PDB file of N, CA and C in Angstrom:
ATOM      1  N   MET A   1     -10.116  13.239  15.240  1.00  0.00           N
ATOM      2  CA  MET A   1     -10.986  13.130  14.339  1.00  0.00           C
ATOM      3  C   MET A   1     -11.154  14.196  13.342  1.00  0.00           C
ATOM      4  N   VAL A   2     -11.348  13.878  12.204  1.00  0.00           N
ATOM      5  CA  VAL A   2     -11.414  14.945  10.841  1.00  0.00           C
ATOM      6  C   VAL A   2     -12.771  15.039  10.358  1.00  0.00           C
ATOM      7  N   ASP A   3     -13.073  16.013   9.680  1.00  0.00           N
ATOM      8  CA  ASP A   3     -14.516  16.253   9.199  1.00  0.00           C
ATOM      9  C   ASP A   3     -14.710  15.504   7.928  1.00  0.00           C
ATOM     10  N   CYS A   4     -13.599  15.333   7.021  1.00  0.00           N
ATOM     11  CA  CYS A   4     -13.930  14.668   6.009  1.00  0.00           C
ATOM     12  C   CYS A   4     -12.499  13.843   5.522  1.00  0.00           C
ATOM     13  N   ALA A   5     -12.590  12.913   4.726  1.00  0.00           N
ATOM     14  CA  ALA A   5     -11.285  12.223   4.231  1.00  0.00           C
ATOM     15  C   ALA A   5     -11.436  11.699   2.886  1.00  0.00           C
ATOM     16  N   VAL A   6     -10.331  11.402   2.150  1.00  0.00           N
ATOM     17  CA  VAL A   6     -10.411  11.058   0.866  1.00  0.00           C
ATOM     18  C   VAL A   6      -9.362   9.693   0.729  1.00  0.00           C
ATOM     19  N   ASP A   7      -9.903   8.724   0.089  1.00  0.00           N
ATOM     20  CA  ASP A   7      -9.166   7.573  -0.385  1.00  0.00           C
ATOM     21  C   ASP A   7      -8.672   7.815  -1.768  1.00  0.00           C
ATOM     22  N   ALA A   8      -7.372   8.148  -1.914  1.00  0.00           N
ATOM     23  CA  ALA A   8      -6.853   8.368  -3.173  1.00  0.00           C
ATOM     24  C   ALA A   8      -5.966   7.387  -3.548  1.00  0.00           C
ATOM     25  N   VAL A   9      -5.913   6.206  -2.757  1.00  0.00           N
ATOM     26  CA  VAL A   9      -5.139   5.061  -3.145  1.00  0.00           C
ATOM     27  C   VAL A   9      -5.839   3.951  -3.861  1.00  0.00           C
ATOM     28  N   SER A  10      -7.129   3.514  -3.327  1.00  0.00           N
ATOM     29  CA  SER A  10      -7.855   2.505  -3.847  1.00  0.00           C
ATOM     30  C   SER A  10      -7.386   1.126  -3.673  1.00  0.00           C
ATOM     31  N   PHE A  11      -7.793   0.352  -4.407  1.00  0.00           N
ATOM     32  CA  PHE A  11      -7.837  -1.221  -4.274  1.00  0.00           C
ATOM     33  C   PHE A  11      -6.227  -1.733  -4.305  1.00  0.00           C
ATOM     34  N   GLU A  12      -5.232  -0.755  -4.778  1.00  0.00           N
ATOM     35  CA  GLU A  12      -3.748  -0.974  -4.914  1.00  0.00           C
ATOM     36  C   GLU A  12      -3.081  -0.927  -3.577  1.00  0.00           C
ATOM     37  N   ALA A  13      -3.779  -0.560  -2.472  1.00  0.00           N
ATOM     38  CA  ALA A  13      -3.222  -0.321  -1.322  1.00  0.00           C
ATOM     39  C   ALA A  13      -2.348  -1.642  -1.008  1.00  0.00           C
ATOM     40  N   LYS A  14      -1.192  -1.348  -0.239  1.00  0.00           N
ATOM     41  CA  LYS A  14      -0.492  -2.385   0.300  1.00  0.00           C
ATOM     42  C   LYS A  14       0.077  -2.151   1.760  1.00  0.00           C
ATOM     43  N   GLY A  15       0.656  -3.125   2.489  1.00  0.00           N
ATOM     44  CA  GLY A  15       1.004  -2.752   3.969  1.00  0.00           C
ATOM     45  C   GLY A  15       2.428  -2.115   3.744  1.00  0.00           C
ATOM     46  N   HIS A  16       3.205  -2.005   4.745  1.00  0.00           N
ATOM     47  CA  HIS A  16       4.346  -1.288   4.701  1.00  0.00           C
ATOM     48  C   HIS A  16       5.559  -2.223   4.529  1.00  0.00           C
ATOM     49  N   GLY A  17       6.725  -1.961   4.009  1.00  0.00           N
ATOM     50  CA  GLY A  17       7.961  -2.805   3.889  1.00  0.00           C
ATOM     51  C   GLY A  17       8.038  -3.295   2.338  1.00  0.00           C
ATOM     52  N   HIS A  18       9.272  -3.717   2.389  1.00  0.00           N
ATOM     53  CA  HIS A  18       9.604  -4.094   0.970  1.00  0.00           C
ATOM     54  C   HIS A  18       8.862  -5.435   0.410  1.00  0.00           C
ATOM     55  N   ASN A  19       8.321  -6.380   1.213  1.00  0.00           N
ATOM     56  CA  ASN A  19       7.713  -7.568   0.888  1.00  0.00           C
ATOM     57  C   ASN A  19       5.989  -7.400   1.165  1.00  0.00           C
ATOM     58  N   ALA A  20       5.628  -6.132   1.364  1.00  0.00           N
ATOM     59  CA  ALA A  20       4.262  -5.995   1.800  1.00  0.00           C
ATOM     60  C   ALA A  20       3.172  -6.566   0.934  1.00  0.00           C
ATOM     61  N   GLU A  21       2.341  -7.315   1.467  1.00  0.00           N
ATOM     62  CA  GLU A  21       1.120  -7.831   0.758  1.00  0.00           C
ATOM     63  C   GLU A  21       0.157  -6.896   0.503  1.00  0.00           C
ATOM     64  N   GLY A  22      -0.674  -7.039  -0.639  1.00  0.00           N
ATOM     65  CA  GLY A  22      -1.778  -6.122  -0.809  1.00  0.00           C
ATOM     66  C   GLY A  22      -2.904  -6.215   0.262  1.00  0.00           C
ATOM     67  N   ALA A  23      -3.297  -5.005   0.403  1.00  0.00           N
ATOM     68  CA  ALA A  23      -4.403  -4.802   1.560  1.00  0.00           C
ATOM     69  C   ALA A  23      -5.266  -3.928   0.986  1.00  0.00           C
ATOM     70  N   PRO A  24      -6.281  -4.272  -0.003  1.00  0.00           N
ATOM     71  CA  PRO A  24      -6.983  -3.257  -0.868  1.00  0.00           C
ATOM     72  C   PRO A  24      -8.240  -2.542   0.037  1.00  0.00           C
ATOM     73  N   ALA A  25      -8.718  -2.953   1.319  1.00  0.00           N
ATOM     74  CA  ALA A  25      -9.531  -2.332   1.860  1.00  0.00           C
ATOM     75  C   ALA A  25      -9.016  -1.417   3.129  1.00  0.00           C
ATOM     76  N   THR A  26      -7.704  -1.523   3.228  1.00  0.00           N
ATOM     77  CA  THR A  26      -6.971  -0.621   4.262  1.00  0.00           C
ATOM     78  C   THR A  26      -7.320   0.739   4.425  1.00  0.00           C
ATOM     79  N   VAL A  27      -7.191   1.436   3.199  1.00  0.00           N
ATOM     80  CA  VAL A  27      -7.423   2.903   3.181  1.00  0.00           C
ATOM     81  C   VAL A  27      -8.898   3.243   3.644  1.00  0.00           C
ATOM     82  N   LEU A  28      -9.858   2.512   3.063  1.00  0.00           N
ATOM     83  CA  LEU A  28     -11.359   2.660   3.356  1.00  0.00           C
ATOM     84  C   LEU A  28     -11.602   2.637   4.772  1.00  0.00           C
ATOM     85  N   ASN A  29     -10.996   1.456   5.494  1.00  0.00           N
ATOM     86  CA  ASN A  29     -11.383   1.357   6.798  1.00  0.00           C
ATOM     87  C   ASN A  29     -10.625   2.392   7.561  1.00  0.00           C
ATOM     88  N   SER A  30      -9.439   2.805   7.224  1.00  0.00           N
ATOM     89  CA  SER A  30      -8.660   3.771   7.995  1.00  0.00           C
ATOM     90  C   SER A  30      -9.362   5.028   8.078  1.00  0.00           C
ATOM     91  N   ILE A  31     -10.025   5.409   6.870  1.00  0.00           N
ATOM     92  CA  ILE A  31     -10.714   6.844   7.022  1.00  0.00           C
ATOM     93  C   ILE A  31     -11.847   6.778   7.524  1.00  0.00           C
ATOM     94  N   MET A  32     -12.667   5.692   7.620  1.00  0.00           N
ATOM     95  CA  MET A  32     -13.818   5.465   8.530  1.00  0.00           C
ATOM     96  C   MET A  32     -13.561   5.560   9.807  1.00  0.00           C
ATOM     97  N   GLU A  33     -12.234   5.065  10.249  1.00  0.00           N
ATOM     98  CA  GLU A  33     -12.028   5.332  11.709  1.00  0.00           C
ATOM     99  C   GLU A  33     -11.658   6.676  12.160  1.00  0.00           C
ATOM    100  N   VAL A  34     -10.925   7.410  11.309  1.00  0.00           N
ATOM    101  CA  VAL A  34     -10.538   8.885  11.605  1.00  0.00           C
ATOM    102  C   VAL A  34     -11.550   9.876  11.269  1.00  0.00           C
ATOM    103  N   THR A  35     -12.525   9.564  10.668  1.00  0.00           N
ATOM    104  CA  THR A  35     -13.662  10.559  10.465  1.00  0.00           C
ATOM    105  C   THR A  35     -14.778  10.615  11.227  1.00  0.00           C
ATOM    106  N   ARG A  36     -15.015  11.891  11.828  1.00  0.00           N
ATOM    107  CA  ARG A  36     -15.950  12.086  12.836  1.00  0.00           C
ATOM    108  C   ARG A  36     -17.290  11.624  12.505  1.00  0.00           C
ATOM    109  N   GLU A  37     -18.435  11.545  13.412  1.00  0.00           N
ATOM    110  CA  GLU A  37     -19.662  11.307  13.111  1.00  0.00           C
ATOM    111  C   GLU A  37     -20.309  12.270  12.033  1.00  0.00           C
ATOM    112  N   ALA A  38     -21.092  11.787  11.163  1.00  0.00           N
ATOM    113  CA  ALA A  38     -21.644  12.621  10.059  1.00  0.00           C
ATOM    114  C   ALA A  38     -20.687  13.183   9.089  1.00  0.00           C
ATOM    115  N   GLY A  39     -19.440  12.600   9.157  1.00  0.00           N
ATOM    116  CA  GLY A  39     -18.719  13.151   8.245  1.00  0.00           C
ATOM    117  C   GLY A  39     -18.508  12.695   6.878  1.00  0.00           C
ATOM    118  N   LYS A  40     -17.787  13.244   5.988  1.00  0.00           N
ATOM    119  CA  LYS A  40     -17.885  12.976   4.671  1.00  0.00           C
ATOM    120  C   LYS A  40     -16.666  11.991   3.987  1.00  0.00           C
ATOM    121  N   LEU A  41     -16.903  11.085   3.367  1.00  0.00           N
ATOM    122  CA  LEU A  41     -15.764  10.358   2.745  1.00  0.00           C
ATOM    123  C   LEU A  41     -15.827  10.287   1.191  1.00  0.00           C
ATOM    124  N   GLY A  42     -14.669  10.792   0.707  1.00  0.00           N
ATOM    125  CA  GLY A  42     -14.410  11.004  -0.858  1.00  0.00           C
ATOM    126  C   GLY A  42     -13.872   9.679  -1.241  1.00  0.00           C
ATOM    127  N   ILE A  43     -14.178   9.041  -2.416  1.00  0.00           N
ATOM    128  CA  ILE A  43     -13.420   7.807  -2.853  1.00  0.00           C
ATOM    129  C   ILE A  43     -13.389   7.972  -4.391  1.00  0.00           C
ATOM    130  N   PRO A  44     -12.472   8.852  -4.701  1.00  0.00           N
ATOM    131  CA  PRO A  44     -12.310   8.890  -6.174  1.00  0.00           C
ATOM    132  C   PRO A  44     -11.323   7.689  -6.783  1.00  0.00           C
ATOM    133  N   GLY A  45     -10.594   6.940  -5.920  1.00  0.00           N
ATOM    134  CA  GLY A  45      -9.949   5.940  -6.356  1.00  0.00           C
ATOM    135  C   GLY A  45     -10.525   4.974  -6.993  1.00  0.00           C
ATOM    136  N   MET A  46      -9.854   4.153  -7.675  1.00  0.00           N
ATOM    137  CA  MET A  46     -10.508   2.992  -8.384  1.00  0.00           C
ATOM    138  C   MET A  46     -10.642   1.699  -7.737  1.00  0.00           C
ATOM    139  N   TYR A  47     -11.836   1.239  -7.757  1.00  0.00           N
ATOM    140  CA  TYR A  47     -12.198   0.034  -7.104  1.00  0.00           C
ATOM    141  C   TYR A  47     -12.893  -0.780  -8.257  1.00  0.00           C
ATOM    142  N   VAL A  48     -12.345  -1.999  -8.513  1.00  0.00           N
ATOM    143  CA  VAL A  48     -12.733  -2.882  -9.806  1.00  0.00           C
ATOM    144  C   VAL A  48     -13.849  -4.003  -9.205  1.00  0.00           C
ATOM    145  N   THR A  49     -14.496  -4.362 -10.180  1.00  0.00           N
ATOM    146  CA  THR A  49     -15.456  -5.460 -10.073  1.00  0.00           C
ATOM    147  C   THR A  49     -14.782  -6.742  -9.795  1.00  0.00           C
ATOM    148  N   GLY A  50     -13.658  -6.797 -10.595  1.00  0.00           N
ATOM    149  CA  GLY A  50     -12.960  -8.153 -10.169  1.00  0.00           C
ATOM    150  C   GLY A  50     -11.452  -7.942 -10.474  1.00  0.00           C
ATOM    151  N   ASP A  51     -10.649  -8.573  -9.749  1.00  0.00           N
ATOM    152  CA  ASP A  51      -9.093  -8.578 -10.039  1.00  0.00           C
ATOM    153  C   ASP A  51      -8.428  -9.973 -10.216  1.00  0.00           C
ATOM    154  N   PRO A  52      -8.252 -10.426 -11.244  1.00  0.00           N
ATOM    155  CA  PRO A  52      -7.770 -11.748 -11.554  1.00  0.00           C
ATOM    156  C   PRO A  52      -6.412 -11.933 -10.814  1.00  0.00           C
ATOM    157  N   GLY A  53      -5.552 -10.874 -10.505  1.00  0.00           N
ATOM    158  CA  GLY A  53      -4.354 -10.912  -9.955  1.00  0.00           C
ATOM    159  C   GLY A  53      -4.434 -10.776  -8.334  1.00  0.00           C
ATOM    160  N   ALA A  54      -5.477 -10.700  -7.807  1.00  0.00           N
ATOM    161  CA  ALA A  54      -5.630 -10.401  -6.409  1.00  0.00           C
ATOM    162  C   ALA A  54      -5.075 -11.310  -5.509  1.00  0.00           C
ATOM    163  N   ALA A  55      -4.713 -11.198  -4.322  1.00  0.00           N
ATOM    164  CA  ALA A  55      -4.246 -12.198  -3.381  1.00  0.00           C
ATOM    165  C   ALA A  55      -5.177 -13.219  -2.883  1.00  0.00           C
ATOM    166  N   ASP A  56      -6.463 -12.804  -2.795  1.00  0.00           N
ATOM    167  CA  ASP A  56      -7.446 -13.708  -2.260  1.00  0.00           C
ATOM    168  C   ASP A  56      -8.470 -14.060  -3.025  1.00  0.00           C
ATOM    169  N   GLU A  57      -9.368 -15.018  -2.918  1.00  0.00           N
ATOM    170  CA  GLU A  57     -10.567 -15.333  -3.880  1.00  0.00           C
ATOM    171  C   GLU A  57     -11.441 -14.055  -3.780  1.00  0.00           C
ATOM    172  N   ALA A  58     -11.825 -13.659  -2.534  1.00  0.00           N
ATOM    173  CA  ALA A  58     -12.809 -12.648  -2.324  1.00  0.00           C
ATOM    174  C   ALA A  58     -12.378 -11.474  -3.340  1.00  0.00           C
ATOM    175  N   ALA A  59     -11.283 -10.863  -3.202  1.00  0.00           N
ATOM    176  CA  ALA A  59     -10.799  -9.820  -3.850  1.00  0.00           C
ATOM    177  C   ALA A  59     -10.862 -10.149  -5.453  1.00  0.00           C
ATOM    178  N   LYS A  60     -10.423 -11.213  -5.862  1.00  0.00           N
ATOM    179  CA  LYS A  60     -10.595 -11.651  -7.206  1.00  0.00           C
ATOM    180  C   LYS A  60     -11.922 -11.413  -7.823  1.00  0.00           C
ATOM    181  N   GLN A  61     -13.003 -11.477  -6.928  1.00  0.00           N
ATOM    182  CA  GLN A  61     -14.380 -11.040  -7.218  1.00  0.00           C
ATOM    183  C   GLN A  61     -14.839  -9.856  -7.046  1.00  0.00           C
ATOM    184  N   GLY A  62     -13.787  -8.926  -6.525  1.00  0.00           N
ATOM    185  CA  GLY A  62     -14.218  -7.486  -6.294  1.00  0.00           C
ATOM    186  C   GLY A  62     -14.887  -7.312  -4.800  1.00  0.00           C
ATOM    187  N   SER A  63     -14.711  -8.220  -4.057  1.00  0.00           N
ATOM    188  CA  SER A  63     -15.370  -8.260  -2.599  1.00  0.00           C
ATOM    189  C   SER A  63     -14.093  -7.912  -1.582  1.00  0.00           C
ATOM    190  N   LEU A  64     -14.312  -6.757  -1.019  1.00  0.00           N
ATOM    191  CA  LEU A  64     -13.309  -6.355  -0.034  1.00  0.00           C
ATOM    192  C   LEU A  64     -13.940  -6.433   1.496  1.00  0.00           C
ATOM    193  N   SER A  65     -12.966  -6.678   2.520  1.00  0.00           N
ATOM    194  CA  SER A  65     -13.459  -6.545   3.879  1.00  0.00           C
ATOM    195  C   SER A  65     -13.548  -5.239   4.279  1.00  0.00           C
ATOM    196  N   ILE A  66     -14.653  -4.463   3.939  1.00  0.00           N
ATOM    197  CA  ILE A  66     -14.849  -3.102   4.395  1.00  0.00           C
ATOM    198  C   ILE A  66     -15.648  -3.168   5.613  1.00  0.00           C
ATOM    199  N   ARG A  67     -15.391  -2.294   6.659  1.00  0.00           N
ATOM    200  CA  ARG A  67     -16.143  -2.192   7.835  1.00  0.00           C
ATOM    201  C   ARG A  67     -17.302  -1.211   7.638  1.00  0.00           C
ATOM    202  N   ILE A  68     -18.204  -1.588   6.824  1.00  0.00           N
ATOM    203  CA  ILE A  68     -19.322  -0.823   6.496  1.00  0.00           C
ATOM    204  C   ILE A  68     -20.241  -0.484   7.851  1.00  0.00           C
ATOM    205  N   GLY A  69     -20.404  -1.295   8.686  1.00  0.00           N
ATOM    206  CA  GLY A  69     -21.013  -1.154   9.763  1.00  0.00           C
ATOM    207  C   GLY A  69     -20.495   0.207  10.637  1.00  0.00           C
ATOM    208  N   LEU A  70     -19.190   0.312  10.594  1.00  0.00           N
ATOM    209  CA  LEU A  70     -18.601   1.416  11.320  1.00  0.00           C
ATOM    210  C   LEU A  70     -18.929   2.719  10.636  1.00  0.00           C
ATOM    211  N   GLY A  71     -19.100   2.675   9.166  1.00  0.00           N
ATOM    212  CA  GLY A  71     -19.338   3.988   8.530  1.00  0.00           C
ATOM    213  C   GLY A  71     -20.975   4.102   8.674  1.00  0.00           C
ATOM    214  N   TRP A  72     -21.796   3.001   8.803  1.00  0.00           N
ATOM    215  CA  TRP A  72     -23.272   3.203   9.044  1.00  0.00           C
ATOM    216  C   TRP A  72     -23.332   3.757  10.451  1.00  0.00           C
ATOM    217  N   ALA A  73     -22.789   3.409  11.308  1.00  0.00           N
ATOM    218  CA  ALA A  73     -22.863   3.782  12.737  1.00  0.00           C
ATOM    219  C   ALA A  73     -22.505   5.100  12.942  1.00  0.00           C
ATOM    220  N   ARG A  74     -21.635   5.520  12.181  1.00  0.00           N
ATOM    221  CA  ARG A  74     -21.045   7.086  12.301  1.00  0.00           C
ATOM    222  C   ARG A  74     -21.699   7.863  11.395  1.00  0.00           C
ATOM    223  N   SER A  75     -22.887   7.401  10.653  1.00  0.00           N
ATOM    224  CA  SER A  75     -23.602   8.149   9.595  1.00  0.00           C
ATOM    225  C   SER A  75     -22.717   8.846   8.675  1.00  0.00           C
ATOM    226  N   HIS A  76     -21.860   8.316   8.049  1.00  0.00           N
ATOM    227  CA  HIS A  76     -20.877   8.972   7.015  1.00  0.00           C
ATOM    228  C   HIS A  76     -21.665   9.129   5.701  1.00  0.00           C
ATOM    229  N   SER A  77     -21.158   9.964   4.915  1.00  0.00           N
ATOM    230  CA  SER A  77     -21.783  10.155   3.606  1.00  0.00           C
ATOM    231  C   SER A  77     -20.557   9.869   2.621  1.00  0.00           C
ATOM    232  N   TYR A  78     -21.017   9.280   1.712  1.00  0.00           N
ATOM    233  CA  TYR A  78     -19.807   8.629   0.714  1.00  0.00           C
ATOM    234  C   TYR A  78     -20.203   9.359  -0.757  1.00  0.00           C
ATOM    235  N   THR A  79     -19.059   9.728  -1.196  1.00  0.00           N
ATOM    236  CA  THR A  79     -19.078  10.224  -2.560  1.00  0.00           C
ATOM    237  C   THR A  79     -17.931   9.494  -3.344  1.00  0.00           C
ATOM    238  N   ALA A  80     -18.375   8.753  -4.547  1.00  0.00           N
ATOM    239  CA  ALA A  80     -17.459   7.808  -5.098  1.00  0.00           C
ATOM    240  C   ALA A  80     -17.585   8.108  -6.469  1.00  0.00           C
ATOM    241  N   GLY A  81     -16.577   7.516  -7.276  1.00  0.00           N
ATOM    242  CA  GLY A  81     -16.508   7.759  -8.773  1.00  0.00           C
ATOM    243  C   GLY A  81     -15.124   8.104  -9.163  1.00  0.00           C
ATOM    244  N   GLN A  82     -14.899   7.747 -10.421  1.00  0.00           N
ATOM    245  CA  GLN A  82     -13.679   8.192 -11.024  1.00  0.00           C
ATOM    246  C   GLN A  82     -13.661   9.708 -11.345  1.00  0.00           C
ATOM    247  N   GLY A  83     -12.357  10.392 -11.055  1.00  0.00           N
ATOM    248  CA  GLY A  83     -12.157  11.801 -11.216  1.00  0.00           C
ATOM    249  C   GLY A  83     -11.860  12.044 -12.715  1.00  0.00           C
ATOM    250  N   ALA A  84     -12.419  13.343 -13.241  1.00  0.00           N
ATOM    251  CA  ALA A  84     -12.228  13.666 -14.696  1.00  0.00           C
ATOM    252  C   ALA A  84     -10.683  13.992 -14.795  1.00  0.00           C
ATOM    253  N   VAL A  85      -9.930  12.925 -14.762  1.00  0.00           N
ATOM    254  CA  VAL A  85      -8.382  13.281 -14.789  1.00  0.00           C
ATOM    255  C   VAL A  85      -7.751  13.996 -16.222  1.00  0.00           C
ATOM    256  N   MET A  86      -8.527  13.512 -17.221  1.00  0.00           N
ATOM    257  CA  MET A  86      -8.043  14.246 -18.388  1.00  0.00           C
ATOM    258  C   MET A  86      -8.413  15.826 -18.495  1.00  0.00           C
ATOM    259  N   ARG A  87      -9.411  16.076 -17.782  1.00  0.00           N
ATOM    260  CA  ARG A  87      -9.878  17.415 -17.668  1.00  0.00           C
ATOM    261  C   ARG A  87      -8.709  18.293 -17.034  1.00  0.00           C
ATOM    262  N   TYR A  88      -7.995  17.632 -16.219  1.00  0.00           N
ATOM    263  CA  TYR A  88      -6.865  18.499 -15.463  1.00  0.00           C
ATOM    264  C   TYR A  88      -5.513  18.311 -16.080  1.00  0.00           C
ATOM    265  N   THR A  89      -5.417  17.208 -16.725  1.00  0.00           N
ATOM    266  CA  THR A  89      -4.084  16.997 -17.484  1.00  0.00           C
ATOM    267  C   THR A  89      -4.161  17.413 -18.935  1.00  0.00           C
ATOM    268  N   ALA A  90      -5.137  17.890 -19.463  1.00  0.00           N
ATOM    269  CA  ALA A  90      -4.951  18.334 -20.974  1.00  0.00           C
ATOM    270  C   ALA A  90      -4.601  19.535 -20.997  1.00  0.00           C
ATOM    271  N   SER A  91      -3.743  19.829 -22.020  1.00  0.00           N
ATOM    272  CA  SER A  91      -3.017  21.087 -22.163  1.00  0.00           C
ATOM    273  C   SER A  91      -3.932  22.261 -23.091  1.00  0.00           C
TER     274      SER A  91
END
């Protein structure tokens, strides 16, 4: 178990292999599994309100199969939002 975890992949997560399908909730579910009780989860990755090119109808509406009950049972704290990328890449 870890004290905190970061999902830096976001909704573009895929399975393994050459022909892997999209699995947008995979990273979020994985970090909830490996983070200890009362741990913190950082979600700077991008999750969209809709994705017309998604593999299934739910994801097209921005709905993902996230195990929120697991996060709730473990009392995780979530911090989300886009990072200030331009702040770090500007010269």
